Structures are given as C-alpha cells and as structure tokens.
C-alpha atoms as a PDB file:
ATOM      1  CA  MET A   1     -17.611   6.917 -23.663  1.00  0.00           C
ATOM      2  CA  PRO A   2     -21.128   7.320 -22.269  1.00  0.00           C
ATOM      3  CA  PHE A   3     -19.974   9.869 -19.656  1.00  0.00           C
ATOM      4  CA  VAL A   4     -18.570  12.217 -22.297  1.00  0.00           C
ATOM      5  CA  GLU A   5     -21.797  12.030 -24.293  1.00  0.00           C
ATOM      6  CA  ALA A   6     -23.848  12.665 -21.158  1.00  0.00           C
ATOM      7  CA  ASP A   7     -21.665  15.651 -20.230  1.00  0.00           C
ATOM      8  CA  VAL A   8     -22.018  17.137 -23.720  1.00  0.00           C
ATOM      9  CA  THR A   9     -25.776  16.614 -23.658  1.00  0.00           C
ATOM     10  CA  GLN A  10     -26.041  18.144 -20.197  1.00  0.00           C
ATOM     11  CA  GLY A  11     -23.912  21.066 -21.330  1.00  0.00           C
ATOM     12  CA  ILE A  12     -26.390  21.756 -24.124  1.00  0.00           C
ATOM     13  CA  VAL A  13     -29.275  21.578 -21.625  1.00  0.00           C
ATOM     14  CA  PHE A  14     -27.491  23.916 -19.189  1.00  0.00           C
ATOM     15  CA  LYS A  15     -26.832  26.385 -22.023  1.00  0.00           C
ATOM     16  CA  ALA A  16     -30.478  26.282 -23.076  1.00  0.00           C
ATOM     17  CA  LEU A  17     -31.655  26.817 -19.489  1.00  0.00           C
ATOM     18  CA  ALA A  18     -29.202  29.676 -18.911  1.00  0.00           C
ATOM     19  CA  ASP A  19     -31.397  32.117 -20.838  1.00  0.00           C
ATOM     20  CA  ASP A  20     -34.292  33.854 -19.046  1.00  0.00           C
ATOM     21  CA  THR A  21     -36.447  33.935 -22.170  1.00  0.00           C
ATOM     22  CA  ARG A  22     -36.015  30.232 -22.859  1.00  0.00           C
ATOM     23  CA  ARG A  23     -36.959  29.432 -19.271  1.00  0.00           C
ATOM     24  CA  ALA A  24     -40.044  31.621 -19.731  1.00  0.00           C
ATOM     25  CA  VAL A  25     -40.937  29.649 -22.880  1.00  0.00           C
ATOM     26  CA  LEU A  26     -40.613  26.411 -20.904  1.00  0.00           C
ATOM     27  CA  ASP A  27     -42.836  27.901 -18.185  1.00  0.00           C
ATOM     28  CA  ALA A  28     -45.398  28.824 -20.842  1.00  0.00           C
ATOM     29  CA  LEU A  29     -45.360  25.251 -22.149  1.00  0.00           C
ATOM     30  CA  PHE A  30     -45.648  23.916 -18.610  1.00  0.00           C
ATOM     31  CA  THR A  31     -48.731  26.084 -18.102  1.00  0.00           C
ATOM     32  CA  ARG A  32     -50.291  25.014 -21.405  1.00  0.00           C
ATOM     33  CA  ASP A  33     -48.544  22.266 -23.315  1.00  0.00           C
ATOM     34  CA  GLY A  34     -48.881  21.820 -27.068  1.00  0.00           C
ATOM     35  CA  GLN A  35     -48.708  25.441 -28.212  1.00  0.00           C
ATOM     36  CA  THR A  36     -48.113  26.809 -31.681  1.00  0.00           C
ATOM     37  CA  VAL A  37     -45.484  29.428 -32.482  1.00  0.00           C
ATOM     38  CA  ARG A  38     -48.324  31.914 -32.918  1.00  0.00           C
ATOM     39  CA  ALA A  39     -49.631  31.217 -29.401  1.00  0.00           C
ATOM     40  CA  LEU A  40     -46.138  31.568 -27.965  1.00  0.00           C
ATOM     41  CA  CYS A  41     -45.636  34.833 -29.874  1.00  0.00           C
ATOM     42  CA  GLU A  42     -48.797  36.164 -28.246  1.00  0.00           C
ATOM     43  CA  ARG A  43     -47.337  35.336 -24.826  1.00  0.00           C
ATOM     44  CA  PHE A  44     -44.126  37.196 -25.684  1.00  0.00           C
ATOM     45  CA  PRO A  45     -45.212  40.328 -27.578  1.00  0.00           C
ATOM     46  CA  GLU A  46     -41.803  41.948 -27.024  1.00  0.00           C
ATOM     47  CA  MET A  47     -40.214  39.310 -29.290  1.00  0.00           C
ATOM     48  CA  THR A  48     -40.470  38.841 -33.005  1.00  0.00           C
ATOM     49  CA  ARG A  49     -41.719  35.576 -34.448  1.00  0.00           C
ATOM     50  CA  PHE A  50     -38.159  34.889 -35.584  1.00  0.00           C
ATOM     51  CA  GLY A  51     -36.906  35.383 -32.010  1.00  0.00           C
ATOM     52  CA  VAL A  52     -39.453  32.940 -30.596  1.00  0.00           C
ATOM     53  CA  MET A  53     -38.583  30.393 -33.274  1.00  0.00           C
ATOM     54  CA  LYS A  54     -34.872  30.776 -32.560  1.00  0.00           C
ATOM     55  CA  HIS A  55     -35.411  30.122 -28.845  1.00  0.00           C
ATOM     56  CA  LEU A  56     -37.584  27.106 -29.670  1.00  0.00           C
ATOM     57  CA  GLY A  57     -34.777  25.796 -31.898  1.00  0.00           C
ATOM     58  CA  VAL A  58     -32.287  25.949 -29.015  1.00  0.00           C
ATOM     59  CA  LEU A  59     -34.794  24.231 -26.712  1.00  0.00           C
ATOM     60  CA  GLU A  60     -35.448  21.520 -29.313  1.00  0.00           C
ATOM     61  CA  ALA A  61     -31.699  20.956 -29.793  1.00  0.00           C
ATOM     62  CA  ALA A  62     -31.441  20.432 -26.021  1.00  0.00           C
ATOM     63  CA  ASN A  63     -34.404  18.017 -26.187  1.00  0.00           C
ATOM     64  CA  LEU A  64     -36.354  20.249 -23.783  1.00  0.00           C
ATOM     65  CA  VAL A  65     -39.087  20.785 -26.358  1.00  0.00           C
ATOM     66  CA  THR A  66     -40.550  18.266 -28.766  1.00  0.00           C
ATOM     67  CA  THR A  67     -42.825  19.004 -31.690  1.00  0.00           C
ATOM     68  CA  THR A  68     -45.572  17.262 -33.579  1.00  0.00           C
ATOM     69  CA  ARG A  69     -47.410  18.250 -36.708  1.00  0.00           C
ATOM     70  CA  GLU A  70     -51.155  18.273 -37.066  1.00  0.00           C
ATOM     71  CA  GLY A  71     -51.726  19.124 -40.682  1.00  0.00           C
ATOM     72  CA  ARG A  72     -50.078  22.484 -41.272  1.00  0.00           C
ATOM     73  CA  THR A  73     -49.880  23.225 -37.555  1.00  0.00           C
ATOM     74  CA  LYS A  74     -46.743  22.485 -35.562  1.00  0.00           C
ATOM     75  CA  LEU A  75     -47.294  22.022 -31.833  1.00  0.00           C
ATOM     76  CA  HIS A  76     -44.557  22.416 -29.222  1.00  0.00           C
ATOM     77  CA  PHE A  77     -44.480  20.328 -26.045  1.00  0.00           C
ATOM     78  CA  LEU A  78     -42.363  20.504 -22.918  1.00  0.00           C
ATOM     79  CA  ASN A  79     -40.055  17.537 -22.347  1.00  0.00           C
ATOM     80  CA  PRO A  80     -39.068  17.623 -18.641  1.00  0.00           C
ATOM     81  CA  VAL A  81     -36.840  14.522 -18.820  1.00  0.00           C
ATOM     82  CA  PRO A  82     -33.521  16.383 -19.430  1.00  0.00           C
ATOM     83  CA  ILE A  83     -34.250  18.655 -16.453  1.00  0.00           C
ATOM     84  CA  GLN A  84     -34.839  15.615 -14.236  1.00  0.00           C
ATOM     85  CA  GLN A  85     -31.622  14.072 -15.523  1.00  0.00           C
ATOM     86  CA  LEU A  86     -29.738  17.234 -14.529  1.00  0.00           C
ATOM     87  CA  ALA A  87     -31.331  17.132 -11.096  1.00  0.00           C
ATOM     88  CA  ASP A  88     -30.405  13.467 -10.695  1.00  0.00           C
ATOM     89  CA  ARG A  89     -26.827  14.074 -11.816  1.00  0.00           C
ATOM     90  CA  TRP A  90     -26.064  17.342 -10.053  1.00  0.00           C
ATOM     91  CA  ILE A  91     -28.539  18.285  -7.350  1.00  0.00           C
ATOM     92  CA  SER A  92     -29.265  14.953  -5.715  1.00  0.00           C
ATOM     93  CA  LYS A  93     -25.571  14.055  -5.810  1.00  0.00           C
ATOM     94  CA  TYR A  94     -24.726  16.997  -3.551  1.00  0.00           C
ATOM     95  CA  ALA A  95     -27.896  17.055  -1.472  1.00  0.00           C
ATOM     96  CA  GLN A  96     -27.921  13.337  -0.593  1.00  0.00           C
ATOM     97  CA  PRO A  97     -25.284  13.456   2.186  1.00  0.00           C
ATOM     98  CA  PHE A  98     -27.138  16.296   3.902  1.00  0.00           C
ATOM     99  CA  THR A  99     -30.551  14.704   3.610  1.00  0.00           C
ATOM    100  CA  ARG A 100     -29.168  11.381   4.834  1.00  0.00           C
ATOM    101  CA  ALA A 101     -27.692  13.143   7.890  1.00  0.00           C
ATOM    102  CA  MET A 102     -31.015  14.881   8.591  1.00  0.00           C
ATOM    103  CA  VAL A 103     -32.961  11.599   8.356  1.00  0.00           C
ATOM    104  CA  ASP A 104     -30.453   9.917  10.671  1.00  0.00           C
ATOM    105  CA  LEU A 105     -30.679  12.814  13.142  1.00  0.00           C
ATOM    106  CA  GLN A 106     -34.479  12.668  13.095  1.00  0.00           C
ATOM    107  CA  PHE A 107     -34.382   8.928  13.734  1.00  0.00           C
ATOM    108  CA  ASP A 108     -31.923   9.346  16.617  1.00  0.00           C
ATOM    109  CA  LEU A 109     -33.998  12.110  18.228  1.00  0.00           C
ATOM    110  CA  GLU A 110     -37.246  10.195  17.897  1.00  0.00           C
ATOM    111  CA  HIS A 111     -35.754   7.038  19.392  1.00  0.00           C
ATOM    112  CA  GLN A 112     -33.814   8.532  22.297  1.00  0.00           C
ATOM    113  CA  THR A 113     -34.557   7.158  25.712  1.00  0.00           C
ATOM    114  CA  ALA A 114     -35.116   9.870  28.271  1.00  0.00           C
END
C-alpha cells in the first residue's frame, strides 16, 4: 500500500505547513540553514523557547527539518524534499494540462503560415 503511506506522509507535511509560524521557521532556515534553537528563538522573540522547540518537533516529524549534533549543539536544517514531493503530486498534476495547452498554442502561433 505505497499510496496510503504516501498520503499519510503528505498529510503530515500539509499539517506542518498549515501553520504560519512553522512556515516562518522554514523561511528562517532557508535564509540561514543549520541554526540552533537559540538562534531561532532570537528570530522569534514573541515565542518561548518551548514554543520554538514544539514547532521544530512538528517540522521534524514531517521530515521538513533534519538535525545534527556537533558536541552539545544541535543544528537544524531545512529539508525541501517533502515540499517538492507535494508539488510533484498536487501542483504539477493539475497545472500540466494547462501548461501543455499553452506550449502547443505557442508552437501553433509561431509556425502559422500567413
């Protein structure tokens, strides 16, 4: 049942991306990858450390953030692969017929004989 597993995984990713704060955390990691919780807390002073860690936990569960340890320091990195998988599954599926029609129209217009 690979489709069921993929749907469950994508559901977790959608849920993680549904929150404004979590998207802001991903944007922060996109801007500067490999940040500590402390650095992320500085970027979001309106949140407690616990709040930042909770959002990171949801993002890690969705595989949108990966972590590595360097001694006592834990670094957080953006993993864009699940976002691309969503785009491949949902966006390109619906956009492809329209883009194909536009490419065909462009070809027809460029190759018309006057």
